[in-house]
Structures are given as structure tokens and as C-alpha cells.
Amino acid sequence: MNKDSASYPDSSGINQPMTPEEVDPKQKREQKEELDRVGKGNLTANPGDRIDDSKSVEEKAQQVSVDTADITGDHIVVPTYFVVDEPDGEQKALHHVKDAEEISDVIRQARVDENGERIWR
């Protein structure tokens, strides 16, 4: 991983956008257009939260739910999916809302050794 990048690469090298600069400009534009068209007060979810099962794991990894300033003025980016490696070597994209419990389970499995390296049990 590039030390100047905040992207989170999983073990297979998929990078997820974690800073505003890493979010695809086309995705930003499409979400803004939808918010302008529908109106922020009329949405039940962020445009980026939508689940599209036809997308590949790589496409889901690039999908961003939130890309905006928070109440403190800090600009935050929240990926819609978190990509995890399954025990059989396959990858799975977990939706940050729908699969929150499973994401928590995965996080609980992570440990860090004395060298700061992530190990999984």
C-alpha cells in the first residue's frame, strides 16, 4: 500500500476508497444528481447505500455510501461494502448496514501480534 494513501487494501490487493480524493468522480456526480433530483429530506437511505447484487466484489469495493463533511467539518468517506476473505479463499462484500453483525464478527476475529501485524484466528 502506498503510505500516502488511506485506502484499505485487503489481502488480495483490492483498495477501497477511504478519502474524498479516492472516490470515483463519476460516483460523486451520480449521487449528487440523485440528491438534487429527489431532495435530501425525501430519501430513506443514502444513494450509495443501495444494494446491487449484479455488481462484482471489486465494483462493490469501490461503492461509497457517504462522502461529505460531518458536523465537525471533517470530510468523511464511508464505504458501502467491506470486503473480507472467507476461509475458503473466496472474497465476500459485506454491506455496512445489512451485514453489520457479520462485520462485527469478522473484526472480533482480528488480533495484532507484538510486531503490529494483523493475525486472524
C-alpha atoms as a PDB file:
ATOM      1  CA  MET A   1       0.000   0.000   0.000  1.00  0.00           C
ATOM      2  CA  ASN A   2       1.170   3.484  -0.786  1.00  0.00           C
ATOM      3  CA  LYS A   3       1.995   5.085   2.560  1.00  0.00           C
ATOM      4  CA  ASP A   4       0.341   8.328   1.390  1.00  0.00           C
ATOM      5  CA  SER A   5      -2.919   6.551   0.654  1.00  0.00           C
ATOM      6  CA  ALA A   6      -5.603   5.879   3.225  1.00  0.00           C
ATOM      7  CA  SER A   7      -7.113   3.105   1.086  1.00  0.00           C
ATOM      8  CA  TYR A   8      -7.598  -0.140   2.904  1.00  0.00           C
ATOM      9  CA  PRO A   9      -6.143  -2.995   0.830  1.00  0.00           C
ATOM     10  CA  ASP A  10      -7.334  -6.451   1.747  1.00  0.00           C
ATOM     11  CA  SER A  11      -5.000  -9.410   1.349  1.00  0.00           C
ATOM     12  CA  SER A  12      -5.860  -9.713  -2.337  1.00  0.00           C
ATOM     13  CA  GLY A  13      -4.934  -6.104  -3.086  1.00  0.00           C
ATOM     14  CA  ILE A  14      -8.419  -4.623  -3.513  1.00  0.00           C
ATOM     15  CA  ASN A  15      -8.255  -0.974  -2.472  1.00  0.00           C
ATOM     16  CA  GLN A  16     -11.322   0.705  -1.081  1.00  0.00           C
ATOM     17  CA  PRO A  17     -11.692   4.493  -1.179  1.00  0.00           C
ATOM     18  CA  MET A  18     -11.238   5.993   2.278  1.00  0.00           C
ATOM     19  CA  THR A  19     -10.543   9.643   1.433  1.00  0.00           C
ATOM     20  CA  PRO A  20     -12.528  12.111  -0.723  1.00  0.00           C
ATOM     21  CA  GLU A  21      -9.744  12.119  -3.327  1.00  0.00           C
ATOM     22  CA  GLU A  22     -10.053   8.357  -3.813  1.00  0.00           C
ATOM     23  CA  VAL A  23     -13.797   8.370  -4.565  1.00  0.00           C
ATOM     24  CA  ASP A  24     -14.647   7.967  -8.257  1.00  0.00           C
ATOM     25  CA  PRO A  25     -15.746  11.396  -9.581  1.00  0.00           C
ATOM     26  CA  LYS A  26     -18.492   9.738 -11.648  1.00  0.00           C
ATOM     27  CA  GLN A  27     -19.924   8.148  -8.491  1.00  0.00           C
ATOM     28  CA  LYS A  28     -19.811  11.519  -6.692  1.00  0.00           C
ATOM     29  CA  ARG A  29     -21.616  13.201  -9.579  1.00  0.00           C
ATOM     30  CA  GLU A  30     -24.322  10.498  -9.821  1.00  0.00           C
ATOM     31  CA  GLN A  31     -25.047  10.622  -6.080  1.00  0.00           C
ATOM     32  CA  LYS A  32     -25.211  14.430  -6.081  1.00  0.00           C
ATOM     33  CA  GLU A  33     -27.576  14.398  -9.067  1.00  0.00           C
ATOM     34  CA  GLU A  34     -29.872  11.938  -7.303  1.00  0.00           C
ATOM     35  CA  LEU A  35     -29.866  14.006  -4.104  1.00  0.00           C
ATOM     36  CA  ASP A  36     -30.671  17.138  -6.131  1.00  0.00           C
ATOM     37  CA  ARG A  37     -33.413  15.335  -8.083  1.00  0.00           C
ATOM     38  CA  VAL A  38     -35.139  13.605  -5.161  1.00  0.00           C
ATOM     39  CA  GLY A  39     -34.309  16.011  -2.365  1.00  0.00           C
ATOM     40  CA  LYS A  40     -32.309  15.127   0.729  1.00  0.00           C
ATOM     41  CA  GLY A  41     -35.359  15.057   3.004  1.00  0.00           C
ATOM     42  CA  ASN A  42     -37.182  12.542   0.810  1.00  0.00           C
ATOM     43  CA  LEU A  43     -34.628   9.736   0.811  1.00  0.00           C
ATOM     44  CA  THR A  44     -34.824   6.788   3.197  1.00  0.00           C
ATOM     45  CA  ALA A  45     -31.167   5.896   2.552  1.00  0.00           C
ATOM     46  CA  ASN A  46     -28.082   7.436   1.002  1.00  0.00           C
ATOM     47  CA  PRO A  47     -27.904   6.815  -2.759  1.00  0.00           C
ATOM     48  CA  GLY A  48     -24.648   4.930  -2.165  1.00  0.00           C
ATOM     49  CA  ASP A  49     -26.302   2.515   0.289  1.00  0.00           C
ATOM     50  CA  ARG A  50     -28.286   0.762  -2.429  1.00  0.00           C
ATOM     51  CA  ILE A  51     -27.577  -2.944  -2.835  1.00  0.00           C
ATOM     52  CA  ASP A  52     -26.942  -4.161  -6.377  1.00  0.00           C
ATOM     53  CA  ASP A  53     -26.235  -7.891  -6.373  1.00  0.00           C
ATOM     54  CA  SER A  54     -25.232  -7.768 -10.044  1.00  0.00           C
ATOM     55  CA  LYS A  55     -22.011  -5.923  -9.108  1.00  0.00           C
ATOM     56  CA  SER A  56     -18.745  -7.801  -8.712  1.00  0.00           C
ATOM     57  CA  VAL A  57     -16.823  -7.786  -5.420  1.00  0.00           C
ATOM     58  CA  GLU A  58     -14.370  -5.311  -6.987  1.00  0.00           C
ATOM     59  CA  GLU A  59     -17.212  -2.968  -8.009  1.00  0.00           C
ATOM     60  CA  LYS A  60     -18.811  -3.217  -4.573  1.00  0.00           C
ATOM     61  CA  ALA A  61     -15.434  -2.388  -3.003  1.00  0.00           C
ATOM     62  CA  GLN A  62     -15.457   0.956  -4.833  1.00  0.00           C
ATOM     63  CA  GLN A  63     -19.026   1.877  -3.834  1.00  0.00           C
ATOM     64  CA  VAL A  64     -19.197   4.694  -1.296  1.00  0.00           C
ATOM     65  CA  SER A  65     -22.151   5.320   0.995  1.00  0.00           C
ATOM     66  CA  VAL A  66     -21.082   8.657   2.463  1.00  0.00           C
ATOM     67  CA  ASP A  67     -18.708  11.246   1.018  1.00  0.00           C
ATOM     68  CA  THR A  68     -19.386  14.513   2.810  1.00  0.00           C
ATOM     69  CA  ALA A  69     -18.413  16.797   5.662  1.00  0.00           C
ATOM     70  CA  ASP A  70     -19.658  15.817   9.104  1.00  0.00           C
ATOM     71  CA  ILE A  71     -20.871  18.234  11.771  1.00  0.00           C
ATOM     72  CA  THR A  72     -17.282  18.968  12.848  1.00  0.00           C
ATOM     73  CA  GLY A  73     -16.327  19.979   9.305  1.00  0.00           C
ATOM     74  CA  ASP A  74     -14.120  16.932   8.761  1.00  0.00           C
ATOM     75  CA  HIS A  75     -14.694  15.282   5.387  1.00  0.00           C
ATOM     76  CA  ILE A  76     -15.606  11.622   5.836  1.00  0.00           C
ATOM     77  CA  VAL A  77     -15.861   8.709   3.429  1.00  0.00           C
ATOM     78  CA  VAL A  78     -17.724   5.533   4.353  1.00  0.00           C
ATOM     79  CA  PRO A  79     -17.503   2.540   2.018  1.00  0.00           C
ATOM     80  CA  THR A  80     -20.819   0.806   1.366  1.00  0.00           C
ATOM     81  CA  TYR A  81     -19.200  -2.621   1.482  1.00  0.00           C
ATOM     82  CA  PHE A  82     -16.304  -4.100   3.401  1.00  0.00           C
ATOM     83  CA  VAL A  83     -14.504  -6.860   1.541  1.00  0.00           C
ATOM     84  CA  VAL A  84     -13.442  -9.824   3.637  1.00  0.00           C
ATOM     85  CA  ASP A  85     -11.570 -13.021   2.839  1.00  0.00           C
ATOM     86  CA  GLU A  86     -13.530 -16.187   3.535  1.00  0.00           C
ATOM     87  CA  PRO A  87     -11.778 -19.285   4.972  1.00  0.00           C
ATOM     88  CA  ASP A  88     -12.042 -20.988   1.563  1.00  0.00           C
ATOM     89  CA  GLY A  89     -10.096 -18.137  -0.089  1.00  0.00           C
ATOM     90  CA  GLU A  90     -13.132 -16.526  -1.702  1.00  0.00           C
ATOM     91  CA  GLN A  91     -13.944 -12.883  -1.082  1.00  0.00           C
ATOM     92  CA  LYS A  92     -17.213 -11.552   0.181  1.00  0.00           C
ATOM     93  CA  ALA A  93     -18.539  -7.984   0.151  1.00  0.00           C
ATOM     94  CA  LEU A  94     -20.403  -7.192   3.373  1.00  0.00           C
ATOM     95  CA  HIS A  95     -22.875  -4.275   3.298  1.00  0.00           C
ATOM     96  CA  HIS A  96     -22.107  -1.816   6.099  1.00  0.00           C
ATOM     97  CA  VAL A  97     -25.741  -1.761   7.293  1.00  0.00           C
ATOM     98  CA  LYS A  98     -27.318  -5.052   6.239  1.00  0.00           C
ATOM     99  CA  ASP A  99     -24.292  -7.135   7.283  1.00  0.00           C
ATOM    100  CA  ALA A 100     -23.203  -5.068  10.320  1.00  0.00           C
ATOM    101  CA  GLU A 101     -23.394  -8.029  12.689  1.00  0.00           C
ATOM    102  CA  GLU A 102     -21.228 -10.177  10.423  1.00  0.00           C
ATOM    103  CA  ILE A 103     -18.729  -7.301  10.044  1.00  0.00           C
ATOM    104  CA  SER A 104     -18.527  -7.112  13.842  1.00  0.00           C
ATOM    105  CA  ASP A 105     -17.895 -10.861  13.986  1.00  0.00           C
ATOM    106  CA  VAL A 106     -15.036 -10.526  11.479  1.00  0.00           C
ATOM    107  CA  ILE A 107     -13.489  -7.648  13.430  1.00  0.00           C
ATOM    108  CA  ARG A 108     -13.641  -9.653  16.658  1.00  0.00           C
ATOM    109  CA  GLN A 109     -11.572 -12.376  14.950  1.00  0.00           C
ATOM    110  CA  ALA A 110      -8.727  -9.962  14.172  1.00  0.00           C
ATOM    111  CA  ARG A 111      -5.764  -9.772  16.511  1.00  0.00           C
ATOM    112  CA  VAL A 112      -2.466  -7.923  16.289  1.00  0.00           C
ATOM    113  CA  ASP A 113       0.831  -9.558  17.260  1.00  0.00           C
ATOM    114  CA  GLU A 114       3.708  -7.873  19.080  1.00  0.00           C
ATOM    115  CA  ASN A 115       5.062  -6.520  15.759  1.00  0.00           C
ATOM    116  CA  GLY A 116       1.779  -4.848  14.899  1.00  0.00           C
ATOM    117  CA  GLU A 117       0.966  -7.420  12.206  1.00  0.00           C
ATOM    118  CA  ARG A 118      -2.666  -8.460  11.864  1.00  0.00           C
ATOM    119  CA  ILE A 119      -3.331 -12.115  12.573  1.00  0.00           C
ATOM    120  CA  TRP A 120      -6.636 -13.963  12.280  1.00  0.00           C
ATOM    121  CA  ARG A 121      -7.815 -16.798  14.413  1.00  0.00           C
END
